[in-house]
């Protein structure tokens, strides 16, 4: 494998754990020369083992930081000397951070790289690397994103280049993680509780059926229903958390669900945005709630149907005791 100017492609891989070792192996199999560094692991041939981040980066056209979010910034600082020639950044080098880090960390890395005159790519790995290797789906953003794709796509990598700054790829991945990992954690906790209650086969079958039946409308159904029934579901999840405690299962996800529903119920005490800026209309809605509490007929207020819906919501929330 050669670069656009005819040189043999040299890639440094910093971090040779579960993901880095597989990516390094696939890169060598695709014809790239790979230099590796990991303070805890010796690189396996044909990857060239080096003694530091800077040594690994020497001669590299592309540096892949695949260590950890905590180590990402220090890895760049330690590797920077290897990106320089006569004190100046080499014109043919790119730093790509593949760690699952917060967007702010990626922006910090981009600023450090820009200060050193080095193009930077924020890369988000969107699926487990084992079993996929270099072909794992990736998102890339930042000044070096297009170059990153240009270097690795001929080797078999699947990269979607995003039109945006460093931090964008990380943001998209982590937004999805809130859903995927949150759902996974809830399923694990629910099955642990079902096992303790002697109902695991029943619940496992129920969960599988619900997932199989999901369609494109499910997101709206879930979000609308969660907000509409937040008060009742706060109590329901309080009871669920109590049950898990009785079963000896820490109710981490159940209690988090209770807290979310309670927050949504509390937010319901604030008038909807379409009423908040309508002066008299909003006042009529709240007046109706007061009249209704005193036994007055709702029709006597002259409030519209939407105002009635708001007032009923106000009364329901106001009359429901706060959850434990």
C-alpha atoms as a PDB file:
ATOM      1  CA  UNK A   1       0.000   0.000   0.000  1.00  0.00           C
ATOM      2  CA  UNK A   2       1.367   3.411  -0.977  1.00  0.00           C
ATOM      3  CA  UNK A   3       0.304   6.999  -0.330  1.00  0.00           C
ATOM      4  CA  UNK A   4      -0.793   9.468  -3.011  1.00  0.00           C
ATOM      5  CA  UNK A   5       2.839  10.530  -3.497  1.00  0.00           C
ATOM      6  CA  UNK A   6       4.122   6.983  -3.965  1.00  0.00           C
ATOM      7  CA  UNK A   7       5.479   6.342  -0.473  1.00  0.00           C
ATOM      8  CA  UNK A   8       4.829   3.152   1.458  1.00  0.00           C
ATOM      9  CA  UNK A   9       1.975   3.870   3.848  1.00  0.00           C
ATOM     10  CA  UNK A  10       3.143   3.888   7.465  1.00  0.00           C
ATOM     11  CA  UNK A  11       0.567   3.858  10.239  1.00  0.00           C
ATOM     12  CA  UNK A  12       1.193   4.130  13.968  1.00  0.00           C
ATOM     13  CA  UNK A  13      -1.285   2.429  16.303  1.00  0.00           C
ATOM     14  CA  UNK A  14      -1.184   3.647  19.894  1.00  0.00           C
ATOM     15  CA  UNK A  15      -3.001   1.183  22.114  1.00  0.00           C
ATOM     16  CA  UNK A  16      -2.959  -2.531  21.313  1.00  0.00           C
ATOM     17  CA  UNK A  17      -5.925  -3.708  23.327  1.00  0.00           C
ATOM     18  CA  UNK A  18      -9.077  -5.348  22.023  1.00  0.00           C
ATOM     19  CA  UNK A  19      -9.694  -2.812  19.247  1.00  0.00           C
ATOM     20  CA  UNK A  20      -6.174  -1.562  18.497  1.00  0.00           C
ATOM     21  CA  UNK A  21      -4.616  -5.005  18.099  1.00  0.00           C
ATOM     22  CA  UNK A  22      -7.280  -6.117  15.613  1.00  0.00           C
ATOM     23  CA  UNK A  23      -7.058  -2.896  13.605  1.00  0.00           C
ATOM     24  CA  UNK A  24      -3.237  -3.145  13.534  1.00  0.00           C
ATOM     25  CA  UNK A  25      -3.456  -6.738  12.311  1.00  0.00           C
ATOM     26  CA  UNK A  26      -5.860  -5.827   9.510  1.00  0.00           C
ATOM     27  CA  UNK A  27      -3.734  -2.862   8.455  1.00  0.00           C
ATOM     28  CA  UNK A  28      -0.660  -5.051   8.041  1.00  0.00           C
ATOM     29  CA  UNK A  29      -2.714  -7.642   6.161  1.00  0.00           C
ATOM     30  CA  UNK A  30      -3.842  -4.872   3.787  1.00  0.00           C
ATOM     31  CA  UNK A  31      -0.237  -3.931   3.030  1.00  0.00           C
ATOM     32  CA  UNK A  32       0.478  -1.021   5.369  1.00  0.00           C
ATOM     33  CA  UNK A  33       3.602  -0.810   7.515  1.00  0.00           C
ATOM     34  CA  UNK A  34       2.407  -0.594  11.109  1.00  0.00           C
ATOM     35  CA  UNK A  35       4.313   0.718  14.111  1.00  0.00           C
ATOM     36  CA  UNK A  36       2.720  -0.057  17.455  1.00  0.00           C
ATOM     37  CA  UNK A  37       2.987   1.136  21.034  1.00  0.00           C
ATOM     38  CA  UNK A  38       1.233   0.089  24.200  1.00  0.00           C
ATOM     39  CA  UNK A  39       2.834   0.454  27.645  1.00  0.00           C
ATOM     40  CA  UNK A  40       1.211  -2.801  28.763  1.00  0.00           C
ATOM     41  CA  UNK A  41       1.412  -4.926  25.614  1.00  0.00           C
ATOM     42  CA  UNK A  42       4.221  -5.888  23.250  1.00  0.00           C
ATOM     43  CA  UNK A  43       3.223  -5.592  19.607  1.00  0.00           C
ATOM     44  CA  UNK A  44       3.027  -8.904  17.768  1.00  0.00           C
ATOM     45  CA  UNK A  45       4.783  -9.261  14.429  1.00  0.00           C
ATOM     46  CA  UNK A  46       4.466  -8.091  11.748  1.00  0.00           C
ATOM     47  CA  UNK A  47       3.602  -4.925  13.710  1.00  0.00           C
ATOM     48  CA  UNK A  48       6.824  -3.199  14.716  1.00  0.00           C
ATOM     49  CA  UNK A  49       6.960  -2.781  18.493  1.00  0.00           C
ATOM     50  CA  UNK A  50       8.213   0.613  19.682  1.00  0.00           C
ATOM     51  CA  UNK A  51       9.096   2.076  23.075  1.00  0.00           C
ATOM     52  CA  UNK A  52       6.927   5.224  23.137  1.00  0.00           C
ATOM     53  CA  UNK A  53       4.194   7.195  21.414  1.00  0.00           C
ATOM     54  CA  UNK A  54       6.783   9.464  19.814  1.00  0.00           C
ATOM     55  CA  UNK A  55       8.841   6.549  18.500  1.00  0.00           C
ATOM     56  CA  UNK A  56       5.742   4.924  17.041  1.00  0.00           C
ATOM     57  CA  UNK A  57       4.795   8.181  15.295  1.00  0.00           C
ATOM     58  CA  UNK A  58       8.182   8.561  13.582  1.00  0.00           C
ATOM     59  CA  UNK A  59       7.754   8.144   9.809  1.00  0.00           C
ATOM     60  CA  UNK A  60       4.005   7.581  10.218  1.00  0.00           C
ATOM     61  CA  UNK A  61       1.625   9.197   7.754  1.00  0.00           C
ATOM     62  CA  UNK A  62      -1.284   8.380  10.041  1.00  0.00           C
ATOM     63  CA  UNK A  63      -1.370   7.994  13.816  1.00  0.00           C
ATOM     64  CA  UNK A  64      -4.325   6.110  15.297  1.00  0.00           C
ATOM     65  CA  UNK A  65      -4.873   6.762  18.995  1.00  0.00           C
ATOM     66  CA  UNK A  66      -6.868   3.749  20.223  1.00  0.00           C
ATOM     67  CA  UNK A  67      -6.046   3.731  23.934  1.00  0.00           C
ATOM     68  CA  UNK A  68      -8.680   5.346  26.181  1.00  0.00           C
ATOM     69  CA  UNK A  69     -10.507   8.634  26.656  1.00  0.00           C
ATOM     70  CA  UNK A  70      -8.487   9.312  29.799  1.00  0.00           C
ATOM     71  CA  UNK A  71      -5.188   8.745  27.978  1.00  0.00           C
ATOM     72  CA  UNK A  72      -6.090  10.516  24.727  1.00  0.00           C
ATOM     73  CA  UNK A  73      -4.739  13.988  25.508  1.00  0.00           C
ATOM     74  CA  UNK A  74      -1.545  12.734  27.105  1.00  0.00           C
ATOM     75  CA  UNK A  75      -1.012  10.343  24.196  1.00  0.00           C
ATOM     76  CA  UNK A  76      -1.103  13.260  21.757  1.00  0.00           C
ATOM     77  CA  UNK A  77       1.308  15.314  23.826  1.00  0.00           C
ATOM     78  CA  UNK A  78       3.678  12.361  24.179  1.00  0.00           C
ATOM     79  CA  UNK A  79       3.456  11.508  20.481  1.00  0.00           C
ATOM     80  CA  UNK A  80       3.891  15.056  19.179  1.00  0.00           C
ATOM     81  CA  UNK A  81       7.718  14.949  18.939  1.00  0.00           C
ATOM     82  CA  UNK A  82       7.376  12.036  16.515  1.00  0.00           C
ATOM     83  CA  UNK A  83       5.229  14.181  14.220  1.00  0.00           C
ATOM     84  CA  UNK A  84       7.913  16.827  13.827  1.00  0.00           C
ATOM     85  CA  UNK A  85      10.894  17.207  11.543  1.00  0.00           C
ATOM     86  CA  UNK A  86      13.452  19.854  12.476  1.00  0.00           C
ATOM     87  CA  UNK A  87      10.959  21.237  14.976  1.00  0.00           C
ATOM     88  CA  UNK A  88       8.190  21.635  12.378  1.00  0.00           C
ATOM     89  CA  UNK A  89       5.193  19.359  11.746  1.00  0.00           C
ATOM     90  CA  UNK A  90       5.715  16.987   8.860  1.00  0.00           C
ATOM     91  CA  UNK A  91       3.396  17.928   5.974  1.00  0.00           C
ATOM     92  CA  UNK A  92       2.315  14.341   5.378  1.00  0.00           C
ATOM     93  CA  UNK A  93       1.088  13.391   8.859  1.00  0.00           C
ATOM     94  CA  UNK A  94      -2.413  13.087  10.330  1.00  0.00           C
ATOM     95  CA  UNK A  95      -3.531  12.347  13.902  1.00  0.00           C
ATOM     96  CA  UNK A  96      -6.794  10.442  14.364  1.00  0.00           C
ATOM     97  CA  UNK A  97      -8.370   9.835  17.750  1.00  0.00           C
ATOM     98  CA  UNK A  98     -10.565   6.703  17.777  1.00  0.00           C
ATOM     99  CA  UNK A  99     -11.301   6.711  21.491  1.00  0.00           C
ATOM    100  CA  UNK A 100     -14.832   6.942  22.858  1.00  0.00           C
ATOM    101  CA  UNK A 101     -14.442  10.350  24.482  1.00  0.00           C
ATOM    102  CA  UNK A 102     -16.705  13.295  25.153  1.00  0.00           C
ATOM    103  CA  UNK A 103     -17.023  15.879  22.363  1.00  0.00           C
ATOM    104  CA  UNK A 104     -15.209  18.375  24.589  1.00  0.00           C
ATOM    105  CA  UNK A 105     -12.171  16.072  24.756  1.00  0.00           C
ATOM    106  CA  UNK A 106     -12.161  15.758  20.975  1.00  0.00           C
ATOM    107  CA  UNK A 107     -12.319  19.536  20.625  1.00  0.00           C
ATOM    108  CA  UNK A 108      -9.444  19.864  23.072  1.00  0.00           C
ATOM    109  CA  UNK A 109      -7.393  17.429  20.996  1.00  0.00           C
ATOM    110  CA  UNK A 110      -8.271  19.339  17.834  1.00  0.00           C
ATOM    111  CA  UNK A 111      -7.073  22.582  19.429  1.00  0.00           C
ATOM    112  CA  UNK A 112      -3.808  20.971  20.510  1.00  0.00           C
ATOM    113  CA  UNK A 113      -3.288  19.558  17.033  1.00  0.00           C
ATOM    114  CA  UNK A 114      -4.114  22.867  15.355  1.00  0.00           C
ATOM    115  CA  UNK A 115      -1.644  24.619  17.635  1.00  0.00           C
ATOM    116  CA  UNK A 116       1.015  22.159  16.507  1.00  0.00           C
ATOM    117  CA  UNK A 117       0.048  22.475  12.835  1.00  0.00           C
ATOM    118  CA  UNK A 118      -1.192  18.878  12.572  1.00  0.00           C
ATOM    119  CA  UNK A 119      -4.486  17.910  10.885  1.00  0.00           C
ATOM    120  CA  UNK A 120      -6.840  16.073  13.262  1.00  0.00           C
ATOM    121  CA  UNK A 121      -9.678  13.594  12.761  1.00  0.00           C
ATOM    122  CA  UNK A 122     -12.292  12.812  15.392  1.00  0.00           C
ATOM    123  CA  UNK A 123     -13.243   9.200  14.652  1.00  0.00           C
ATOM    124  CA  UNK A 124     -16.162   7.362  16.235  1.00  0.00           C
ATOM    125  CA  UNK A 125     -16.204   3.566  16.006  1.00  0.00           C
ATOM    126  CA  UNK A 126     -19.871   2.649  15.634  1.00  0.00           C
ATOM    127  CA  UNK A 127     -19.823  -1.094  16.359  1.00  0.00           C
ATOM    128  CA  UNK A 128     -17.640  -3.652  18.168  1.00  0.00           C
ATOM    129  CA  UNK A 129     -14.283  -4.107  16.434  1.00  0.00           C
ATOM    130  CA  UNK A 130     -13.850  -7.858  17.106  1.00  0.00           C
ATOM    131  CA  UNK A 131     -15.393  -9.731  14.220  1.00  0.00           C
ATOM    132  CA  UNK A 132     -15.279  -6.668  11.951  1.00  0.00           C
ATOM    133  CA  UNK A 133     -11.755  -5.340  12.307  1.00  0.00           C
ATOM    134  CA  UNK A 134     -10.879  -2.493   9.992  1.00  0.00           C
ATOM    135  CA  UNK A 135     -14.266  -2.831   8.297  1.00  0.00           C
ATOM    136  CA  UNK A 136     -16.091  -1.653  11.412  1.00  0.00           C
ATOM    137  CA  UNK A 137     -18.379   1.307  10.579  1.00  0.00           C
ATOM    138  CA  UNK A 138     -16.794   4.637  11.490  1.00  0.00           C
ATOM    139  CA  UNK A 139     -17.790   8.299  11.520  1.00  0.00           C
ATOM    140  CA  UNK A 140     -15.122  10.962  11.041  1.00  0.00           C
ATOM    141  CA  UNK A 141     -15.214  14.738  11.497  1.00  0.00           C
ATOM    142  CA  UNK A 142     -12.686  17.535  11.823  1.00  0.00           C
ATOM    143  CA  UNK A 143     -10.038  19.021   9.549  1.00  0.00           C
ATOM    144  CA  UNK A 144      -8.444  15.640   8.831  1.00  0.00           C
ATOM    145  CA  UNK A 145     -11.611  13.598   8.312  1.00  0.00           C
ATOM    146  CA  UNK A 146     -11.491  13.492   4.512  1.00  0.00           C
ATOM    147  CA  UNK A 147      -7.786  12.638   4.538  1.00  0.00           C
ATOM    148  CA  UNK A 148      -8.461   9.874   7.058  1.00  0.00           C
ATOM    149  CA  UNK A 149     -11.003   8.333   4.701  1.00  0.00           C
ATOM    150  CA  UNK A 150      -8.692   8.739   1.714  1.00  0.00           C
ATOM    151  CA  UNK A 151      -5.937   6.806   3.484  1.00  0.00           C
ATOM    152  CA  UNK A 152      -7.998   3.968   4.944  1.00  0.00           C
ATOM    153  CA  UNK A 153     -10.888   3.315   2.552  1.00  0.00           C
ATOM    154  CA  UNK A 154      -8.586   1.680  -0.039  1.00  0.00           C
ATOM    155  CA  UNK A 155      -7.600  -0.753   2.725  1.00  0.00           C
ATOM    156  CA  UNK A 156     -11.220  -1.779   3.281  1.00  0.00           C
ATOM    157  CA  UNK A 157     -12.350   0.642   5.981  1.00  0.00           C
ATOM    158  CA  UNK A 158     -15.951   1.866   6.010  1.00  0.00           C
ATOM    159  CA  UNK A 159     -15.932   5.573   6.883  1.00  0.00           C
ATOM    160  CA  UNK A 160     -18.667   8.189   6.754  1.00  0.00           C
ATOM    161  CA  UNK A 161     -17.130  11.650   6.595  1.00  0.00           C
ATOM    162  CA  UNK A 162     -19.213  14.254   8.410  1.00  0.00           C
ATOM    163  CA  UNK A 163     -19.232  17.904   7.377  1.00  0.00           C
ATOM    164  CA  UNK A 164     -18.390  19.410  10.731  1.00  0.00           C
ATOM    165  CA  UNK A 165     -15.718  20.038  13.354  1.00  0.00           C
ATOM    166  CA  UNK A 166     -14.032  17.647  15.730  1.00  0.00           C
ATOM    167  CA  UNK A 167     -16.523  16.589  18.373  1.00  0.00           C
ATOM    168  CA  UNK A 168     -19.356  15.997  15.898  1.00  0.00           C
ATOM    169  CA  UNK A 169     -18.520  12.316  15.336  1.00  0.00           C
ATOM    170  CA  UNK A 170     -18.159  11.763  19.079  1.00  0.00           C
ATOM    171  CA  UNK A 171     -21.463  13.535  19.738  1.00  0.00           C
ATOM    172  CA  UNK A 172     -23.387  11.358  17.293  1.00  0.00           C
ATOM    173  CA  UNK A 173     -21.931   8.174  18.736  1.00  0.00           C
ATOM    174  CA  UNK A 174     -22.623   9.125  22.351  1.00  0.00           C
ATOM    175  CA  UNK A 175     -26.174  10.262  21.608  1.00  0.00           C
ATOM    176  CA  UNK A 176     -26.799   6.816  20.188  1.00  0.00           C
ATOM    177  CA  UNK A 177     -25.032   5.256  23.173  1.00  0.00           C
ATOM    178  CA  UNK A 178     -27.531   6.829  25.564  1.00  0.00           C
ATOM    179  CA  UNK A 179     -30.219   4.808  23.794  1.00  0.00           C
ATOM    180  CA  UNK A 180     -28.384   1.553  23.062  1.00  0.00           C
ATOM    181  CA  UNK A 181     -26.496   1.213  26.332  1.00  0.00           C
ATOM    182  CA  UNK A 182     -29.431   2.503  28.354  1.00  0.00           C
ATOM    183  CA  UNK A 183     -31.728  -0.072  26.769  1.00  0.00           C
ATOM    184  CA  UNK A 184     -29.157  -2.824  27.261  1.00  0.00           C
ATOM    185  CA  UNK A 185     -28.668  -1.925  30.921  1.00  0.00           C
ATOM    186  CA  UNK A 186     -32.430  -1.889  31.516  1.00  0.00           C
ATOM    187  CA  UNK A 187     -32.819  -5.322  29.923  1.00  0.00           C
ATOM    188  CA  UNK A 188     -29.974  -6.755  31.998  1.00  0.00           C
ATOM    189  CA  UNK A 189     -31.446  -5.346  35.216  1.00  0.00           C
ATOM    190  CA  UNK A 190     -34.957  -6.542  34.373  1.00  0.00           C
ATOM    191  CA  UNK A 191     -33.736 -10.075  33.627  1.00  0.00           C
ATOM    192  CA  UNK A 192     -31.696 -10.165  36.836  1.00  0.00           C
ATOM    193  CA  UNK A 193     -34.844  -9.270  38.759  1.00  0.00           C
ATOM    194  CA  UNK A 194     -36.934 -11.784  36.801  1.00  0.00           C
ATOM    195  CA  UNK A 195     -34.389 -14.484  37.573  1.00  0.00           C
ATOM    196  CA  UNK A 196     -34.594 -13.661  41.262  1.00  0.00           C
ATOM    197  CA  UNK A 197     -38.394 -13.780  41.052  1.00  0.00           C
ATOM    198  CA  UNK A 198     -38.418 -17.064  39.116  1.00  0.00           C
ATOM    199  CA  UNK A 199     -39.897 -15.460  35.987  1.00  0.00           C
ATOM    200  CA  UNK A 200     -36.869 -15.068  33.684  1.00  0.00           C
ATOM    201  CA  UNK A 201     -38.122 -17.266  30.774  1.00  0.00           C
ATOM    202  CA  UNK A 202     -41.426 -15.374  30.681  1.00  0.00           C
ATOM    203  CA  UNK A 203     -39.800 -11.931  30.700  1.00  0.00           C
ATOM    204  CA  UNK A 204     -37.100 -12.921  28.195  1.00  0.00           C
ATOM    205  CA  UNK A 205     -39.783 -14.066  25.755  1.00  0.00           C
ATOM    206  CA  UNK A 206     -41.773 -10.881  26.353  1.00  0.00           C
ATOM    207  CA  UNK A 207     -38.763  -8.615  25.711  1.00  0.00           C
ATOM    208  CA  UNK A 208     -37.851 -10.496  22.525  1.00  0.00           C
ATOM    209  CA  UNK A 209     -41.422 -10.195  21.239  1.00  0.00           C
ATOM    210  CA  UNK A 210     -41.533  -6.450  21.927  1.00  0.00           C
ATOM    211  CA  UNK A 211     -38.235  -5.861  20.123  1.00  0.00           C
ATOM    212  CA  UNK A 212     -39.323  -7.978  17.155  1.00  0.00           C
ATOM    213  CA  UNK A 213     -42.592  -6.063  16.845  1.00  0.00           C
ATOM    214  CA  UNK A 214     -40.978  -2.603  16.901  1.00  0.00           C
ATOM    215  CA  UNK A 215     -41.708  -0.373  13.895  1.00  0.00           C
ATOM    216  CA  UNK A 216     -40.849   3.152  12.770  1.00  0.00           C
ATOM    217  CA  UNK A 217     -43.687   4.667  14.824  1.00  0.00           C
ATOM    218  CA  UNK A 218     -42.405   3.303  18.117  1.00  0.00           C
ATOM    219  CA  UNK A 219     -40.250   6.334  18.957  1.00  0.00           C
ATOM    220  CA  UNK A 220     -43.243   8.692  18.898  1.00  0.00           C
ATOM    221  CA  UNK A 221     -45.371   6.224  20.841  1.00  0.00           C
ATOM    222  CA  UNK A 222     -42.740   5.872  23.547  1.00  0.00           C
ATOM    223  CA  UNK A 223     -41.929   9.569  23.911  1.00  0.00           C
ATOM    224  CA  UNK A 224     -45.545  10.742  23.770  1.00  0.00           C
ATOM    225  CA  UNK A 225     -46.751   8.092  26.195  1.00  0.00           C
ATOM    226  CA  UNK A 226     -43.912   8.701  28.616  1.00  0.00           C
ATOM    227  CA  UNK A 227     -44.721  12.394  28.904  1.00  0.00           C
ATOM    228  CA  UNK A 228     -48.475  11.895  28.973  1.00  0.00           C
ATOM    229  CA  UNK A 229     -48.355   9.311  31.773  1.00  0.00           C
ATOM    230  CA  UNK A 230     -45.343  10.635  33.676  1.00  0.00           C
ATOM    231  CA  UNK A 231     -47.188  11.066  36.971  1.00  0.00           C
ATOM    232  CA  UNK A 232     -48.612   7.556  37.088  1.00  0.00           C
ATOM    233  CA  UNK A 233     -45.387   5.989  35.842  1.00  0.00           C
ATOM    234  CA  UNK A 234     -43.401   7.750  38.543  1.00  0.00           C
ATOM    235  CA  UNK A 235     -45.391   5.782  41.091  1.00  0.00           C
ATOM    236  CA  UNK A 236     -45.109   2.615  39.025  1.00  0.00           C
ATOM    237  CA  UNK A 237     -41.319   2.820  38.850  1.00  0.00           C
ATOM    238  CA  UNK A 238     -41.117   3.629  42.549  1.00  0.00           C
ATOM    239  CA  UNK A 239     -42.941   0.363  43.180  1.00  0.00           C
ATOM    240  CA  UNK A 240     -40.682  -1.446  40.705  1.00  0.00           C
ATOM    241  CA  UNK A 241     -37.541  -0.145  42.431  1.00  0.00           C
ATOM    242  CA  UNK A 242     -38.958  -1.251  45.793  1.00  0.00           C
ATOM    243  CA  UNK A 243     -39.610  -4.719  44.373  1.00  0.00           C
ATOM    244  CA  UNK A 244     -36.053  -5.040  43.033  1.00  0.00           C
ATOM    245  CA  UNK A 245     -34.699  -4.075  46.421  1.00  0.00           C
ATOM    246  CA  UNK A 246     -36.837  -6.806  48.003  1.00  0.00           C
ATOM    247  CA  UNK A 247     -35.426  -9.283  45.457  1.00  0.00           C
ATOM    248  CA  UNK A 248     -31.856  -8.271  46.285  1.00  0.00           C
ATOM    249  CA  UNK A 249     -31.243  -6.608  42.896  1.00  0.00           C
ATOM    250  CA  UNK A 250     -29.871  -3.032  43.014  1.00  0.00           C
ATOM    251  CA  UNK A 251     -32.537  -0.924  41.219  1.00  0.00           C
ATOM    252  CA  UNK A 252     -30.089   1.302  39.309  1.00  0.00           C
ATOM    253  CA  UNK A 253     -32.045   1.565  36.066  1.00  0.00           C
ATOM    254  CA  UNK A 254     -35.449   1.359  37.717  1.00  0.00           C
ATOM    255  CA  UNK A 255     -34.592   4.227  40.027  1.00  0.00           C
ATOM    256  CA  UNK A 256     -33.169   6.239  37.124  1.00  0.00           C
ATOM    257  CA  UNK A 257     -36.448   5.671  35.254  1.00  0.00           C
ATOM    258  CA  UNK A 258     -38.402   6.834  38.291  1.00  0.00           C
ATOM    259  CA  UNK A 259     -36.288   9.997  38.476  1.00  0.00           C
ATOM    260  CA  UNK A 260     -36.836  10.753  34.774  1.00  0.00           C
ATOM    261  CA  UNK A 261     -40.597  10.284  35.005  1.00  0.00           C
ATOM    262  CA  UNK A 262     -40.674  12.466  38.113  1.00  0.00           C
ATOM    263  CA  UNK A 263     -38.788  15.220  36.275  1.00  0.00           C
ATOM    264  CA  UNK A 264     -41.197  15.050  33.346  1.00  0.00           C
ATOM    265  CA  UNK A 265     -44.148  15.190  35.740  1.00  0.00           C
ATOM    266  CA  UNK A 266     -42.662  18.240  37.449  1.00  0.00           C
ATOM    267  CA  UNK A 267     -42.075  19.951  34.109  1.00  0.00           C
ATOM    268  CA  UNK A 268     -45.771  19.446  33.428  1.00  0.00           C
ATOM    269  CA  UNK A 269     -46.483  22.124  36.036  1.00  0.00           C
ATOM    270  CA  UNK A 270     -45.086  24.695  33.578  1.00  0.00           C
ATOM    271  CA  UNK A 271     -47.619  25.796  30.906  1.00  0.00           C
ATOM    272  CA  UNK A 272     -46.895  24.451  27.412  1.00  0.00           C
ATOM    273  CA  UNK A 273     -45.003  26.835  25.135  1.00  0.00           C
ATOM    274  CA  UNK A 274     -48.037  27.528  22.955  1.00  0.00           C
ATOM    275  CA  UNK A 275     -49.898  28.855  26.031  1.00  0.00           C
ATOM    276  CA  UNK A 276     -47.005  30.557  27.772  1.00  0.00           C
ATOM    277  CA  UNK A 277     -46.998  33.548  25.431  1.00  0.00           C
ATOM    278  CA  UNK A 278     -50.745  33.996  25.003  1.00  0.00           C
ATOM    279  CA  UNK A 279     -51.483  36.064  28.093  1.00  0.00           C
ATOM    280  CA  UNK A 280     -55.247  35.803  28.567  1.00  0.00           C
ATOM    281  CA  UNK A 281     -55.480  32.335  27.027  1.00  0.00           C
ATOM    282  CA  UNK A 282     -52.975  30.916  29.473  1.00  0.00           C
ATOM    283  CA  UNK A 283     -54.635  32.718  32.369  1.00  0.00           C
ATOM    284  CA  UNK A 284     -58.017  31.294  31.424  1.00  0.00           C
ATOM    285  CA  UNK A 285     -56.554  27.793  31.466  1.00  0.00           C
ATOM    286  CA  UNK A 286     -55.238  28.234  34.973  1.00  0.00           C
ATOM    287  CA  UNK A 287     -58.439  29.980  36.110  1.00  0.00           C
ATOM    288  CA  UNK A 288     -60.379  26.968  34.903  1.00  0.00           C
ATOM    289  CA  UNK A 289     -58.213  24.745  37.088  1.00  0.00           C
ATOM    290  CA  UNK A 290     -59.140  26.868  40.095  1.00  0.00           C
ATOM    291  CA  UNK A 291     -62.842  26.875  39.200  1.00  0.00           C
ATOM    292  CA  UNK A 292     -62.785  23.147  38.641  1.00  0.00           C
ATOM    293  CA  UNK A 293     -61.232  22.600  42.054  1.00  0.00           C
ATOM    294  CA  UNK A 294     -64.067  24.595  43.655  1.00  0.00           C
ATOM    295  CA  UNK A 295     -66.754  22.625  41.827  1.00  0.00           C
ATOM    296  CA  UNK A 296     -67.599  25.203  39.146  1.00  0.00           C
ATOM    297  CA  UNK A 297     -68.680  23.903  35.774  1.00  0.00           C
ATOM    298  CA  UNK A 298     -65.817  23.841  33.263  1.00  0.00           C
ATOM    299  CA  UNK A 299     -68.042  25.240  30.537  1.00  0.00           C
ATOM    300  CA  UNK A 300     -68.657  28.375  32.594  1.00  0.00           C
ATOM    301  CA  UNK A 301     -65.138  29.599  32.050  1.00  0.00           C
ATOM    302  CA  UNK A 302     -65.442  29.771  28.283  1.00  0.00           C
ATOM    303  CA  UNK A 303     -62.002  28.133  27.954  1.00  0.00           C
ATOM    304  CA  UNK A 304     -61.223  26.347  24.713  1.00  0.00           C
ATOM    305  CA  UNK A 305     -60.786  22.589  24.462  1.00  0.00           C
ATOM    306  CA  UNK A 306     -56.995  22.885  24.527  1.00  0.00           C
ATOM    307  CA  UNK A 307     -57.212  25.088  27.622  1.00  0.00           C
ATOM    308  CA  UNK A 308     -59.415  22.464  29.258  1.00  0.00           C
ATOM    309  CA  UNK A 309     -56.886  19.787  28.448  1.00  0.00           C
ATOM    310  CA  UNK A 310     -54.154  21.901  30.056  1.00  0.00           C
ATOM    311  CA  UNK A 311     -56.206  22.639  33.169  1.00  0.00           C
ATOM    312  CA  UNK A 312     -57.036  18.975  33.672  1.00  0.00           C
ATOM    313  CA  UNK A 313     -53.363  18.173  33.382  1.00  0.00           C
ATOM    314  CA  UNK A 314     -52.601  20.898  35.926  1.00  0.00           C
ATOM    315  CA  UNK A 315     -55.138  19.536  38.390  1.00  0.00           C
ATOM    316  CA  UNK A 316     -53.959  15.947  37.993  1.00  0.00           C
ATOM    317  CA  UNK A 317     -50.362  16.832  38.710  1.00  0.00           C
ATOM    318  CA  UNK A 318     -51.191  19.236  41.515  1.00  0.00           C
ATOM    319  CA  UNK A 319     -53.405  16.712  43.298  1.00  0.00           C
ATOM    320  CA  UNK A 320     -50.941  13.825  42.986  1.00  0.00           C
ATOM    321  CA  UNK A 321     -48.502  13.514  45.916  1.00  0.00           C
ATOM    322  CA  UNK A 322     -44.829  13.615  45.054  1.00  0.00           C
ATOM    323  CA  UNK A 323     -43.177  10.239  44.694  1.00  0.00           C
ATOM    324  CA  UNK A 324     -41.032   8.741  47.375  1.00  0.00           C
END
